[in-house]
Amino acid sequence: MPSTKSYQQLHEQVAARPGAALRLAKLRKRTLMKVRLFKLCGWLGNRLATITDRKRQDDRG
């Protein structure tokens, strides 16, 4: 059976490497930007669907 490590142990090993703080900060910033973009796309997609539905209703009505 393979041995496992806790997340905390892995995090400490990664954070101990030279330049890790800067790399982790850049990755964190990029991840947050992607999450915001994903949420914005979802919001815009919902708005576009609503607009399309209303346009169809207007065309029928």
N, C-alpha and C. Protein backbone atom coordinates (compact mmCIF):
# COMPACT_ATOMS: atom_id res chain seq x y z
N MET A 1 0.84 -1.17 0.00
CA MET A 1 0.00 0.00 0.00
C MET A 1 0.89 1.25 0.00
N PRO A 2 0.63 2.19 -0.90
CA PRO A 2 1.50 3.37 -0.96
C PRO A 2 1.31 4.26 0.28
N SER A 3 2.40 4.89 0.64
CA SER A 3 2.30 5.81 1.78
C SER A 3 1.68 7.12 1.30
N THR A 4 0.97 7.77 2.17
CA THR A 4 0.34 9.04 1.81
C THR A 4 0.87 10.14 2.71
N LYS A 5 0.79 11.35 2.22
CA LYS A 5 1.20 12.51 3.00
C LYS A 5 0.00 13.43 3.15
N SER A 6 0.00 14.16 4.21
CA SER A 6 -1.09 15.10 4.40
C SER A 6 -0.87 16.31 3.49
N TYR A 7 -1.94 17.01 3.23
CA TYR A 7 -1.83 18.22 2.42
C TYR A 7 -0.88 19.21 3.07
N GLN A 8 -0.96 19.33 4.38
CA GLN A 8 -0.11 20.26 5.10
C GLN A 8 1.37 19.96 4.87
N GLN A 9 1.74 18.67 4.90
CA GLN A 9 3.14 18.30 4.65
C GLN A 9 3.56 18.68 3.23
N LEU A 10 2.72 18.38 2.27
CA LEU A 10 3.04 18.73 0.88
C LEU A 10 3.16 20.23 0.71
N HIS A 11 2.24 20.97 1.32
CA HIS A 11 2.28 22.43 1.23
C HIS A 11 3.58 22.98 1.82
N GLU A 12 3.97 22.47 2.95
CA GLU A 12 5.21 22.92 3.60
C GLU A 12 6.43 22.63 2.73
N GLN A 13 6.44 21.47 2.07
CA GLN A 13 7.56 21.13 1.19
C GLN A 13 7.62 22.06 -0.01
N VAL A 14 6.48 22.34 -0.59
CA VAL A 14 6.44 23.24 -1.76
C VAL A 14 6.83 24.65 -1.33
N ALA A 15 6.27 25.12 -0.23
CA ALA A 15 6.54 26.48 0.24
C ALA A 15 7.99 26.68 0.64
N ALA A 16 8.69 25.61 0.99
CA ALA A 16 10.09 25.71 1.42
C ALA A 16 11.05 25.89 0.24
N ARG A 17 10.60 25.62 -0.96
CA ARG A 17 11.49 25.74 -2.12
C ARG A 17 11.78 27.21 -2.43
N PRO A 18 12.98 27.49 -2.99
CA PRO A 18 13.33 28.87 -3.33
C PRO A 18 12.35 29.44 -4.37
N GLY A 19 11.89 30.64 -4.12
CA GLY A 19 11.00 31.32 -5.05
C GLY A 19 9.56 30.85 -4.99
N ALA A 20 9.27 29.98 -4.05
CA ALA A 20 7.92 29.40 -3.97
C ALA A 20 6.86 30.45 -3.65
N ALA A 21 7.18 31.38 -2.78
CA ALA A 21 6.19 32.39 -2.38
C ALA A 21 5.72 33.19 -3.59
N LEU A 22 6.63 33.58 -4.45
CA LEU A 22 6.28 34.34 -5.64
C LEU A 22 5.48 33.49 -6.61
N ARG A 23 5.91 32.24 -6.84
CA ARG A 23 5.18 31.35 -7.74
C ARG A 23 3.77 31.08 -7.24
N LEU A 24 3.65 30.82 -5.94
CA LEU A 24 2.33 30.55 -5.37
C LEU A 24 1.43 31.78 -5.44
N ALA A 25 2.00 32.96 -5.23
CA ALA A 25 1.21 34.20 -5.33
C ALA A 25 0.70 34.40 -6.75
N LYS A 26 1.57 34.14 -7.74
CA LYS A 26 1.15 34.28 -9.14
C LYS A 26 0.05 33.26 -9.49
N LEU A 27 0.22 32.03 -9.03
CA LEU A 27 -0.79 31.01 -9.28
C LEU A 27 -2.12 31.35 -8.61
N ARG A 28 -2.05 31.86 -7.40
CA ARG A 28 -3.26 32.25 -6.68
C ARG A 28 -3.98 33.37 -7.41
N LYS A 29 -3.22 34.36 -7.87
CA LYS A 29 -3.81 35.49 -8.61
C LYS A 29 -4.45 35.00 -9.90
N ARG A 30 -3.75 34.14 -10.63
CA ARG A 30 -4.29 33.62 -11.89
C ARG A 30 -5.55 32.79 -11.65
N THR A 31 -5.53 32.00 -10.59
CA THR A 31 -6.70 31.17 -10.28
C THR A 31 -7.91 32.05 -9.95
N LEU A 32 -7.69 33.08 -9.15
CA LEU A 32 -8.79 33.98 -8.80
C LEU A 32 -9.33 34.70 -10.04
N MET A 33 -8.44 35.08 -10.94
CA MET A 33 -8.88 35.73 -12.18
C MET A 33 -9.73 34.77 -13.02
N LYS A 34 -9.34 33.50 -13.08
CA LYS A 34 -10.10 32.52 -13.84
C LYS A 34 -11.47 32.28 -13.22
N VAL A 35 -11.53 32.24 -11.89
CA VAL A 35 -12.81 32.05 -11.21
C VAL A 35 -13.72 33.23 -11.49
N ARG A 36 -13.19 34.44 -11.42
CA ARG A 36 -13.99 35.63 -11.72
C ARG A 36 -14.48 35.62 -13.17
N LEU A 37 -13.61 35.24 -14.08
CA LEU A 37 -13.99 35.17 -15.49
C LEU A 37 -15.07 34.13 -15.71
N PHE A 38 -14.94 32.98 -15.05
CA PHE A 38 -15.94 31.92 -15.16
C PHE A 38 -17.29 32.41 -14.65
N LYS A 39 -17.29 33.10 -13.52
CA LYS A 39 -18.53 33.64 -12.96
C LYS A 39 -19.12 34.68 -13.90
N LEU A 40 -18.28 35.54 -14.46
CA LEU A 40 -18.76 36.56 -15.39
C LEU A 40 -19.37 35.92 -16.63
N CYS A 41 -18.73 34.89 -17.14
CA CYS A 41 -19.27 34.20 -18.32
C CYS A 41 -20.62 33.56 -18.00
N GLY A 42 -20.75 32.99 -16.82
CA GLY A 42 -22.02 32.43 -16.41
C GLY A 42 -23.08 33.50 -16.30
N TRP A 43 -22.72 34.62 -15.72
CA TRP A 43 -23.66 35.74 -15.58
C TRP A 43 -24.08 36.25 -16.96
N LEU A 44 -23.11 36.44 -17.83
CA LEU A 44 -23.43 36.92 -19.18
C LEU A 44 -24.25 35.90 -19.95
N GLY A 45 -23.93 34.63 -19.77
CA GLY A 45 -24.69 33.58 -20.45
C GLY A 45 -26.14 33.58 -20.01
N ASN A 46 -26.37 33.75 -18.72
CA ASN A 46 -27.74 33.81 -18.21
C ASN A 46 -28.47 35.02 -18.78
N ARG A 47 -27.78 36.15 -18.85
CA ARG A 47 -28.39 37.37 -19.39
C ARG A 47 -28.71 37.19 -20.87
N LEU A 48 -27.80 36.58 -21.59
CA LEU A 48 -28.02 36.36 -23.02
C LEU A 48 -29.21 35.43 -23.24
N ALA A 49 -29.33 34.40 -22.41
CA ALA A 49 -30.46 33.49 -22.52
C ALA A 49 -31.77 34.23 -22.24
N THR A 50 -31.77 35.09 -21.24
CA THR A 50 -32.96 35.86 -20.90
C THR A 50 -33.34 36.80 -22.04
N ILE A 51 -32.35 37.46 -22.60
CA ILE A 51 -32.61 38.38 -23.72
C ILE A 51 -33.16 37.61 -24.92
N THR A 52 -32.57 36.45 -25.21
CA THR A 52 -33.02 35.63 -26.33
C THR A 52 -34.46 35.17 -26.12
N ASP A 53 -34.78 34.74 -24.90
CA ASP A 53 -36.14 34.31 -24.59
C ASP A 53 -37.13 35.45 -24.77
N ARG A 54 -36.79 36.63 -24.30
CA ARG A 54 -37.68 37.79 -24.44
C ARG A 54 -37.85 38.16 -25.90
N LYS A 55 -36.78 38.07 -26.66
CA LYS A 55 -36.87 38.40 -28.09
C LYS A 55 -37.80 37.42 -28.78
N ARG A 56 -37.72 36.15 -28.45
CA ARG A 56 -38.61 35.15 -29.04
C ARG A 56 -40.05 35.43 -28.67
N GLN A 57 -40.28 35.80 -27.41
CA GLN A 57 -41.63 36.12 -26.96
C GLN A 57 -42.18 37.34 -27.72
N ASP A 58 -41.34 38.33 -27.93
CA ASP A 58 -41.76 39.51 -28.67
C ASP A 58 -42.10 39.17 -30.12
N ASP A 59 -41.30 38.27 -30.70
CA ASP A 59 -41.53 37.89 -32.09
C ASP A 59 -42.85 37.12 -32.25
N ARG A 60 -43.22 36.37 -31.22
CA ARG A 60 -44.46 35.59 -31.27
C ARG A 60 -45.67 36.45 -30.95
N GLY A 61 -45.46 37.44 -30.10
CA GLY A 61 -46.56 38.17 -29.52
C GLY A 61 -47.09 39.28 -30.27
